[in-house]
Amino acid sequence: MEAIIIGLVLLVLALLGAPLFIIFGAVAMLSFVSEGVDPSVIMVDLNRIATNPTLVAIPLFTFAGYALAESKAPVRLVNLARALFGAVPGGLGLVTLVTCALFTAFTGASGVTIIALGGLLFPILMSEQYPERFSLGLVTASGSLGLLFPPSLPLILYALIATISVDKLFVAGFIPGLILLLTLSIFVVRKGISARVPRQKFDARTAVRAIREALWEIPLPILIVGGIYSGLFTATEAAAVTAFYVFVVEVFIYRDLSFSRDVPRVMRSSMVLVGAILMIIGVAMGLTNYMVDQEVPARLFEFTQTFITSPTMFLVIMNIFLIIVGMMMDIFSAIIVVVPLIKPIAQAYGINEVHLGIIFLTNLEIGYLTPPVGLNLFMSSLRFQKPVLTVVRSVLPFMGLLLIALLLITYIPPLSLWLVEVLGVR
């Protein structure tokens, strides 16, 4: 009876908006205490995580992403993309997809993309005569589009929690990420044609000027992706190179950020996110350790075997479950809590662990858009001062297309694994 009361209290606290890490920590401590175990064991695994060299990549990439967001890089990148793609049908829509995907890959948090780029792109889309609902849906859906591209923080965290190579995940996410991008691009081009959106005539001088303005930022994705895929450096080394490169470019070359005023502020803001991730890791790992000790994954597998006999049906159920998880929880909490439970079950059904990681993150990416409580819906509603229901209606076509792409990624494993095997990534 006492456990039921405590459970109800925690549920009410969660519904009232209590931070998830507090709920996770409370559940973990109460669970261990109920078994007569000192709750300090919650922190045992945190030491293992803290000494993992991959963890260093998280604060470095986060700083680089926040520095780009605070500089004038978004404006330069948008101008560059408009100059290059403006003559294509739906050109500005393609600009929105590409720049948001690139930006999300660096910031790792789609809310940052919507806040930083949304206010810039949405008015431009409207001024170029794109339909309002389409424009709203496009910016909202684009906010989480880059989560499968390096150096995405969720990719790094997933590799850390699932104890697999982050280099493998970086490579594995490239083709599925392109599929998501291309699927929406086809829709955007068709919309540009059907809505008769005026095209921007290609002008060589404008393109050269845009390239010259963004000259120092253009090599950044090439440096990271090329360096990792070629084996020149690991993901952790790429994080150090990226952070240093962005710091030098934005502070000393473009001078968008003041060394004495802006850099400390950017460091503080970015490390708040890192601190939040570490707090979630600390308490959620304790909770997952308790569930592993109680053989919860094994029992879940026994239960699923009773009703699900084929890997195909398991993947269907898993996709539905993960989209709901992505809708209800932030992506970092979902990775830390759910991955240790679902990975052993998926492997028992013969699903490759790298392929599972890409499926997992694709689902959470779509979960950001899933009504009624997907995070991007509320971020967009807040940013553009639109009712949530209006935002929901605007994203439904994009969500449908992303679900089709998810099916391809789920049931064609070579899309995730072929490049890993070809490059021989370990």
Protein backbone atom coordinates (compact mmCIF):
# COMPACT_ATOMS: atom_id res chain seq x y z
CA MET A 1 0.00 0.00 0.00
CA GLU A 2 2.84 2.35 0.91
CA ALA A 3 4.54 1.67 -2.45
CA ILE A 4 1.30 2.47 -4.30
CA ILE A 5 0.93 5.79 -2.47
CA ILE A 6 4.54 6.73 -3.20
CA GLY A 7 4.05 5.76 -6.84
CA LEU A 8 0.94 7.93 -7.11
CA VAL A 9 2.75 10.87 -5.51
CA LEU A 10 5.61 10.57 -8.01
CA LEU A 11 3.13 10.30 -10.88
CA VAL A 12 1.37 13.48 -9.74
CA LEU A 13 4.72 15.27 -9.42
CA ALA A 14 5.61 14.20 -12.97
CA LEU A 15 2.28 15.46 -14.31
CA LEU A 16 2.81 18.76 -12.49
CA GLY A 17 6.08 19.25 -14.36
CA ALA A 18 8.71 18.01 -11.89
CA PRO A 19 12.05 17.44 -13.70
CA LEU A 20 12.41 13.86 -14.92
CA PHE A 21 15.79 13.39 -13.26
CA ILE A 22 14.15 13.97 -9.86
CA ILE A 23 11.48 11.37 -10.63
CA PHE A 24 14.09 8.89 -11.88
CA GLY A 25 16.29 9.48 -8.84
CA ALA A 26 13.40 9.06 -6.39
CA VAL A 27 12.22 5.84 -8.03
CA ALA A 28 15.77 4.44 -8.12
CA MET A 29 16.48 5.23 -4.45
CA LEU A 30 13.14 3.86 -3.25
CA SER A 31 13.63 0.71 -5.33
CA PHE A 32 17.06 -0.01 -3.86
CA VAL A 33 15.92 0.81 -0.32
CA SER A 34 12.99 -1.59 -0.70
CA GLU A 35 15.54 -4.32 -1.47
CA GLY A 36 17.67 -3.40 1.54
CA VAL A 37 20.47 -2.01 -0.62
CA ASP A 38 22.33 1.21 0.14
CA PRO A 39 21.04 3.79 -2.42
CA SER A 40 24.58 5.10 -2.88
CA VAL A 41 25.05 2.28 -5.42
CA ILE A 42 23.12 4.52 -7.80
CA MET A 43 26.34 6.44 -8.44
CA VAL A 44 28.58 3.41 -9.01
CA ASP A 45 28.02 3.27 -12.76
CA LEU A 46 28.39 7.03 -13.09
CA ASN A 47 32.12 6.62 -12.44
CA ARG A 48 32.37 4.17 -15.34
CA ILE A 49 30.56 6.61 -17.61
CA ALA A 50 32.63 9.57 -16.39
CA THR A 51 35.91 7.82 -17.23
CA ASN A 52 34.75 6.88 -20.74
CA PRO A 53 36.75 8.96 -23.27
CA THR A 54 33.65 9.31 -25.47
CA LEU A 55 32.03 11.50 -22.81
CA VAL A 56 34.55 14.26 -23.55
CA ALA A 57 32.97 14.73 -26.98
CA ILE A 58 29.64 15.89 -25.51
CA PRO A 59 30.77 19.20 -23.91
CA LEU A 60 33.08 20.00 -26.83
CA PHE A 61 30.45 19.51 -29.54
CA THR A 62 27.86 21.29 -27.39
CA PHE A 63 30.09 24.35 -27.04
CA ALA A 64 30.71 24.40 -30.80
CA GLY A 65 26.97 24.20 -31.52
CA TYR A 66 26.06 26.97 -29.10
CA ALA A 67 28.86 29.19 -30.39
CA LEU A 68 27.52 28.80 -33.94
CA ALA A 69 24.00 29.57 -32.72
CA GLU A 70 25.12 32.76 -30.97
CA SER A 71 27.17 34.00 -33.92
CA LYS A 72 25.98 35.19 -37.32
CA ALA A 73 26.67 31.76 -38.80
CA PRO A 74 22.94 30.97 -39.31
CA VAL A 75 22.51 34.11 -41.44
CA ARG A 76 25.60 33.35 -43.52
CA LEU A 77 24.58 29.71 -44.06
CA VAL A 78 21.03 30.67 -45.05
CA ASN A 79 22.35 33.27 -47.51
CA LEU A 80 24.73 30.70 -48.97
CA ALA A 81 22.02 28.08 -49.37
CA ARG A 82 19.62 30.60 -50.94
CA ALA A 83 22.26 31.68 -53.43
CA LEU A 84 22.95 28.07 -54.46
CA PHE A 85 19.44 26.55 -54.34
CA GLY A 86 17.15 29.55 -54.87
CA ALA A 87 16.68 28.77 -58.57
CA VAL A 88 15.43 25.22 -57.86
CA PRO A 89 11.64 24.68 -57.45
CA GLY A 90 10.95 24.95 -53.75
CA GLY A 91 14.47 26.30 -53.34
CA LEU A 92 13.90 28.19 -50.10
CA GLY A 93 12.16 25.15 -48.65
CA LEU A 94 15.24 23.08 -49.45
CA VAL A 95 17.36 25.78 -47.83
CA THR A 96 15.27 25.40 -44.67
CA LEU A 97 15.70 21.61 -44.63
CA VAL A 98 19.45 21.65 -45.22
CA THR A 99 20.37 24.48 -42.86
CA CYS A 100 18.13 23.18 -40.05
CA ALA A 101 19.50 19.64 -40.45
CA LEU A 102 23.08 20.93 -40.33
CA PHE A 103 22.33 23.11 -37.35
CA THR A 104 20.56 20.36 -35.38
CA ALA A 105 23.49 18.03 -36.02
CA PHE A 106 25.72 20.52 -34.18
CA THR A 107 23.38 21.64 -31.40
CA GLY A 108 21.79 18.21 -30.78
CA ALA A 109 18.67 19.89 -29.42
CA SER A 110 15.92 20.62 -31.91
CA GLY A 111 14.46 23.36 -29.72
CA VAL A 112 17.65 25.37 -30.24
CA THR A 113 17.26 25.03 -34.01
CA ILE A 114 13.67 26.26 -33.99
CA ILE A 115 14.54 29.23 -31.78
CA ALA A 116 17.75 30.16 -33.60
CA LEU A 117 16.73 29.55 -37.22
CA GLY A 118 12.94 29.57 -37.07
CA GLY A 119 12.66 33.28 -36.49
CA LEU A 120 14.98 33.84 -39.45
CA LEU A 121 13.45 31.36 -41.94
CA PHE A 122 9.70 31.53 -41.25
CA PRO A 123 9.31 35.23 -42.26
CA ILE A 124 11.45 34.62 -45.37
CA LEU A 125 9.28 31.65 -46.39
CA MET A 126 6.16 33.77 -45.95
CA SER A 127 7.63 36.67 -47.94
CA GLU A 128 8.49 34.25 -50.78
CA GLN A 129 4.75 33.32 -50.98
CA TYR A 130 4.97 29.84 -49.44
CA PRO A 131 1.62 28.88 -47.81
CA GLU A 132 1.60 29.71 -44.09
CA ARG A 133 0.61 26.23 -42.91
CA PHE A 134 3.27 24.61 -45.10
CA SER A 135 5.93 27.06 -43.85
CA LEU A 136 5.02 26.45 -40.22
CA GLY A 137 5.09 22.68 -40.68
CA LEU A 138 8.37 22.81 -42.59
CA VAL A 139 10.25 24.80 -39.94
CA THR A 140 8.80 22.68 -37.12
CA ALA A 141 9.60 19.36 -38.81
CA SER A 142 13.09 20.51 -39.80
CA GLY A 143 13.97 21.18 -36.17
CA SER A 144 14.93 17.58 -35.43
CA LEU A 145 15.99 16.51 -38.92
CA GLY A 146 19.73 16.39 -38.32
CA LEU A 147 19.86 14.04 -35.33
CA LEU A 148 21.31 11.17 -37.40
CA PHE A 149 24.19 13.23 -38.79
CA PRO A 150 27.50 13.64 -36.96
CA PRO A 151 28.31 15.21 -34.57
CA SER A 152 24.80 14.76 -33.10
CA LEU A 153 24.82 14.55 -29.28
CA PRO A 154 22.11 11.85 -29.20
CA LEU A 155 24.32 9.65 -31.39
CA ILE A 156 27.21 10.07 -28.95
CA LEU A 157 25.04 9.44 -25.90
CA TYR A 158 23.43 6.37 -27.46
CA ALA A 159 26.86 4.91 -28.21
CA LEU A 160 27.91 5.63 -24.63
CA ILE A 161 24.87 3.96 -23.03
CA ALA A 162 24.70 1.03 -25.47
CA THR A 163 28.50 0.51 -25.23
CA ILE A 164 29.05 0.45 -28.98
CA SER A 165 31.44 2.39 -31.20
CA VAL A 166 30.40 6.02 -31.70
CA ASP A 167 32.36 6.01 -34.96
CA LYS A 168 30.11 3.19 -36.22
CA LEU A 169 26.98 5.14 -35.32
CA PHE A 170 28.30 8.29 -36.99
CA VAL A 171 28.84 6.35 -40.21
CA ALA A 172 25.64 4.28 -39.92
CA GLY A 173 23.43 7.35 -39.55
CA PHE A 174 24.59 9.03 -42.75
CA ILE A 175 22.46 7.19 -45.35
CA PRO A 176 19.30 7.00 -43.16
CA GLY A 177 19.73 10.71 -42.41
CA LEU A 178 19.92 11.41 -46.15
CA ILE A 179 16.78 9.33 -46.74
CA LEU A 180 14.85 11.42 -44.23
CA LEU A 181 16.20 14.60 -45.83
CA LEU A 182 15.48 13.49 -49.41
CA THR A 183 11.96 12.29 -48.53
CA LEU A 184 11.01 15.73 -47.26
CA SER A 185 12.91 17.42 -50.09
CA ILE A 186 10.73 15.73 -52.72
CA PHE A 187 7.63 16.98 -50.92
CA VAL A 188 9.07 20.49 -50.66
CA VAL A 189 9.92 20.63 -54.39
CA ARG A 190 6.42 19.43 -55.33
CA LYS A 191 4.89 22.04 -53.04
CA GLY A 192 7.04 24.76 -54.58
CA ILE A 193 5.75 23.79 -58.03
CA SER A 194 2.08 23.35 -57.05
CA ALA A 195 1.99 26.62 -55.07
CA ARG A 196 3.78 28.42 -57.94
CA VAL A 197 6.32 29.91 -55.60
CA PRO A 198 8.56 32.38 -57.48
CA ARG A 199 12.10 31.16 -58.01
CA GLN A 200 15.17 33.24 -57.35
CA LYS A 201 17.24 33.52 -60.49
CA PHE A 202 20.76 32.17 -60.02
CA ASP A 203 23.29 34.97 -59.89
CA ALA A 204 26.95 34.03 -60.00
CA ARG A 205 28.08 37.21 -58.26
CA THR A 206 25.63 36.70 -55.39
CA ALA A 207 26.74 33.07 -55.06
CA VAL A 208 30.42 34.02 -55.00
CA ARG A 209 29.75 36.71 -52.41
CA ALA A 210 27.79 34.24 -50.22
CA ILE A 211 30.59 31.68 -50.54
CA ARG A 212 33.18 34.31 -49.63
CA GLU A 213 31.17 35.38 -46.55
CA ALA A 214 30.79 31.79 -45.31
CA LEU A 215 34.23 30.69 -46.47
CA TRP A 216 35.44 29.72 -43.00
CA GLU A 217 32.26 27.83 -42.05
CA ILE A 218 31.85 25.80 -45.25
CA PRO A 219 34.75 23.41 -44.40
CA LEU A 220 33.31 22.57 -40.96
CA PRO A 221 30.99 19.66 -41.89
CA ILE A 222 33.55 18.43 -44.43
CA LEU A 223 36.24 18.51 -41.74
CA ILE A 224 34.15 16.50 -39.27
CA VAL A 225 32.47 14.02 -41.61
CA GLY A 226 35.49 13.56 -43.84
CA GLY A 227 37.85 13.20 -40.89
CA ILE A 228 35.73 10.57 -39.17
CA TYR A 229 34.76 8.61 -42.30
CA SER A 230 38.33 8.56 -43.58
CA GLY A 231 39.65 7.38 -40.23
CA LEU A 232 41.83 10.46 -39.85
CA PHE A 233 40.51 10.98 -36.32
CA THR A 234 37.97 9.51 -33.89
CA ALA A 235 34.72 11.14 -32.81
CA THR A 236 36.35 12.43 -29.61
CA GLU A 237 39.26 13.93 -31.53
CA ALA A 238 36.76 15.43 -33.99
CA ALA A 239 35.02 17.14 -31.06
CA ALA A 240 38.24 18.81 -29.96
CA VAL A 241 39.07 19.90 -33.52
CA THR A 242 35.52 21.25 -34.03
CA ALA A 243 35.41 23.20 -30.77
CA PHE A 244 38.82 24.79 -31.41
CA TYR A 245 38.01 25.58 -35.05
CA VAL A 246 34.64 27.19 -34.24
CA PHE A 247 36.20 29.17 -31.37
CA VAL A 248 38.95 30.61 -33.59
CA VAL A 249 36.64 31.33 -36.54
CA GLU A 250 33.79 33.00 -34.64
CA VAL A 251 35.94 34.91 -32.12
CA PHE A 252 39.06 35.92 -34.05
CA ILE A 253 38.19 35.72 -37.76
CA TYR A 254 34.53 36.80 -38.00
CA ARG A 255 34.59 38.47 -34.58
CA ASP A 256 30.90 37.69 -34.07
CA LEU A 257 31.64 36.74 -30.46
CA SER A 258 33.55 38.85 -27.98
CA PHE A 259 36.25 36.88 -26.13
CA SER A 260 35.61 38.65 -22.83
CA ARG A 261 31.83 39.08 -22.99
CA ASP A 262 30.24 36.46 -25.27
CA VAL A 263 32.51 33.43 -24.89
CA PRO A 264 31.95 33.06 -21.11
CA ARG A 265 28.20 33.38 -21.69
CA VAL A 266 28.21 30.75 -24.45
CA MET A 267 30.31 28.42 -22.31
CA ARG A 268 27.94 28.84 -19.41
CA SER A 269 24.81 28.23 -21.52
CA SER A 270 26.25 25.18 -23.27
CA MET A 271 27.53 23.62 -20.07
CA VAL A 272 24.10 23.98 -18.45
CA LEU A 273 22.84 21.54 -21.10
CA VAL A 274 25.82 19.24 -20.50
CA GLY A 275 25.21 19.41 -16.73
CA ALA A 276 21.57 18.47 -17.27
CA ILE A 277 22.64 15.47 -19.36
CA LEU A 278 25.09 14.34 -16.66
CA MET A 279 22.43 14.67 -13.96
CA ILE A 280 20.04 12.55 -16.00
CA ILE A 281 22.79 9.99 -16.62
CA GLY A 282 23.59 9.82 -12.92
CA VAL A 283 20.09 9.05 -11.67
CA ALA A 284 18.77 7.18 -14.71
CA MET A 285 21.70 4.77 -14.77
CA GLY A 286 20.88 3.90 -11.16
CA LEU A 287 17.29 3.14 -12.15
CA THR A 288 18.32 1.02 -15.12
CA ASN A 289 20.86 -0.85 -12.96
CA TYR A 290 18.07 -1.76 -10.57
CA MET A 291 15.90 -3.01 -13.42
CA VAL A 292 18.78 -5.06 -14.83
CA ASP A 293 19.48 -6.52 -11.36
CA GLN A 294 15.82 -7.52 -11.16
CA GLU A 295 16.15 -9.19 -14.58
CA VAL A 296 13.52 -6.92 -16.09
CA PRO A 297 14.92 -7.20 -19.67
CA ALA A 298 14.87 -11.01 -19.48
CA ARG A 299 11.31 -11.00 -18.16
CA LEU A 300 10.22 -8.56 -20.83
CA PHE A 301 11.73 -10.83 -23.48
CA GLU A 302 9.89 -13.84 -22.07
CA PHE A 303 6.68 -11.83 -22.08
CA THR A 304 7.12 -10.58 -25.66
CA GLN A 305 7.93 -14.09 -26.90
CA THR A 306 4.50 -15.17 -25.71
CA PHE A 307 2.82 -12.81 -28.16
CA ILE A 308 5.52 -11.91 -30.70
CA THR A 309 7.36 -14.67 -32.52
CA SER A 310 8.92 -12.86 -35.49
CA PRO A 311 11.49 -10.04 -35.63
CA THR A 312 9.24 -8.23 -38.14
CA MET A 313 6.35 -7.97 -35.70
CA PHE A 314 8.74 -7.03 -32.87
CA LEU A 315 10.04 -4.11 -34.93
CA VAL A 316 6.49 -2.90 -35.57
CA ILE A 317 5.68 -2.93 -31.83
CA MET A 318 9.05 -1.39 -30.96
CA ASN A 319 8.56 1.49 -33.43
CA ILE A 320 5.15 2.33 -31.97
CA PHE A 321 6.55 2.17 -28.44
CA LEU A 322 9.56 4.35 -29.24
CA ILE A 323 7.52 7.04 -30.98
CA ILE A 324 5.37 7.27 -27.84
CA VAL A 325 8.53 7.44 -25.72
CA GLY A 326 9.94 10.19 -27.97
CA MET A 327 6.69 12.11 -27.59
CA MET A 328 6.62 11.84 -23.79
CA MET A 329 10.30 12.15 -22.81
CA ASP A 330 13.25 14.29 -23.82
CA ILE A 331 15.66 12.43 -26.04
CA PHE A 332 18.49 12.20 -23.49
CA SER A 333 16.27 10.67 -20.78
CA ALA A 334 14.75 8.25 -23.29
CA ILE A 335 18.18 7.01 -24.40
CA ILE A 336 19.47 6.49 -20.87
CA VAL A 337 16.37 4.76 -19.51
CA VAL A 338 15.05 2.76 -22.47
CA VAL A 339 18.21 1.60 -24.30
CA PRO A 340 19.46 -0.80 -21.55
CA LEU A 341 16.00 -2.41 -21.46
CA ILE A 342 15.31 -2.71 -25.17
CA LYS A 343 18.78 -3.60 -26.47
CA PRO A 344 18.94 -7.17 -24.98
CA ILE A 345 15.43 -7.92 -26.27
CA ALA A 346 16.22 -6.66 -29.78
CA GLN A 347 19.45 -8.65 -29.91
CA ALA A 348 17.53 -11.77 -28.86
CA TYR A 349 15.41 -11.26 -31.98
CA GLY A 350 18.60 -11.03 -34.06
CA ILE A 351 18.60 -7.27 -34.68
CA ASN A 352 22.03 -5.74 -35.20
CA GLU A 353 22.95 -3.33 -32.38
CA VAL A 354 24.09 -0.56 -34.75
CA HIS A 355 20.93 -0.88 -36.85
CA LEU A 356 18.91 -0.78 -33.63
CA GLY A 357 20.58 2.50 -32.67
CA ILE A 358 19.57 4.15 -35.95
CA ILE A 359 15.99 2.87 -35.65
CA PHE A 360 15.86 4.06 -32.04
CA LEU A 361 17.02 7.61 -32.82
CA THR A 362 14.84 7.91 -35.93
CA ASN A 363 11.80 7.09 -33.81
CA LEU A 364 12.74 9.69 -31.20
CA GLU A 365 13.30 12.22 -33.98
CA ILE A 366 9.72 11.63 -35.16
CA GLY A 367 8.51 11.63 -31.56
CA TYR A 368 9.44 15.31 -31.35
CA LEU A 369 6.56 15.97 -33.80
CA THR A 370 4.01 13.50 -32.45
CA PRO A 371 0.78 14.97 -31.03
CA PRO A 372 -0.34 15.70 -28.44
CA VAL A 373 2.85 16.49 -26.50
CA GLY A 374 5.80 16.33 -28.95
CA LEU A 375 8.41 18.88 -27.85
CA ASN A 376 8.76 20.59 -31.24
CA LEU A 377 5.02 21.32 -31.35
CA PHE A 378 5.24 23.45 -28.22
CA MET A 379 8.57 25.05 -29.16
CA SER A 380 7.10 26.10 -32.50
CA SER A 381 3.85 27.29 -30.93
CA LEU A 382 5.85 29.43 -28.50
CA ARG A 383 8.30 30.77 -31.10
CA PHE A 384 5.73 31.70 -33.75
CA GLN A 385 2.83 32.49 -31.39
CA LYS A 386 0.50 30.00 -33.04
CA PRO A 387 -2.04 27.70 -31.33
CA VAL A 388 -0.67 24.19 -30.76
CA LEU A 389 -3.52 22.67 -32.80
CA THR A 390 -2.52 24.86 -35.75
CA VAL A 391 1.07 23.59 -35.45
CA VAL A 392 -0.17 19.98 -35.21
CA ARG A 393 -2.17 20.30 -38.43
CA SER A 394 0.82 21.84 -40.19
CA VAL A 395 3.23 19.00 -39.34
CA LEU A 396 0.96 16.02 -40.15
CA PRO A 397 2.04 15.72 -43.85
CA PHE A 398 5.71 15.90 -42.84
CA MET A 399 5.22 13.35 -40.09
CA GLY A 400 3.51 10.95 -42.52
CA LEU A 401 6.49 11.15 -44.89
CA LEU A 402 8.96 10.62 -42.04
CA LEU A 403 7.03 7.50 -40.98
CA ILE A 404 7.39 6.11 -44.51
CA ALA A 405 11.14 6.76 -44.35
CA LEU A 406 11.21 5.08 -40.91
CA LEU A 407 9.73 1.91 -42.42
CA LEU A 408 12.49 1.86 -45.06
CA ILE A 409 15.19 2.37 -42.44
CA THR A 410 13.67 -0.29 -40.16
CA TYR A 411 13.18 -3.07 -42.69
CA ILE A 412 16.20 -2.52 -44.95
CA PRO A 413 19.17 -2.97 -42.54
CA PRO A 414 21.85 -2.38 -45.26
CA LEU A 415 20.78 1.27 -45.33
CA SER A 416 22.37 1.57 -41.88
CA LEU A 417 25.06 -1.11 -42.10
CA TRP A 418 26.40 -1.02 -45.67
CA LEU A 419 28.60 2.05 -45.26
CA VAL A 420 29.95 0.74 -41.94
CA GLU A 421 31.02 -2.51 -43.62
CA VAL A 422 32.45 -0.81 -46.71
CA LEU A 423 34.57 1.59 -44.64
CA GLY A 424 35.52 -1.14 -42.17
CA VAL A 425 34.71 1.07 -39.18
CA ARG A 426 35.42 -0.54 -35.79
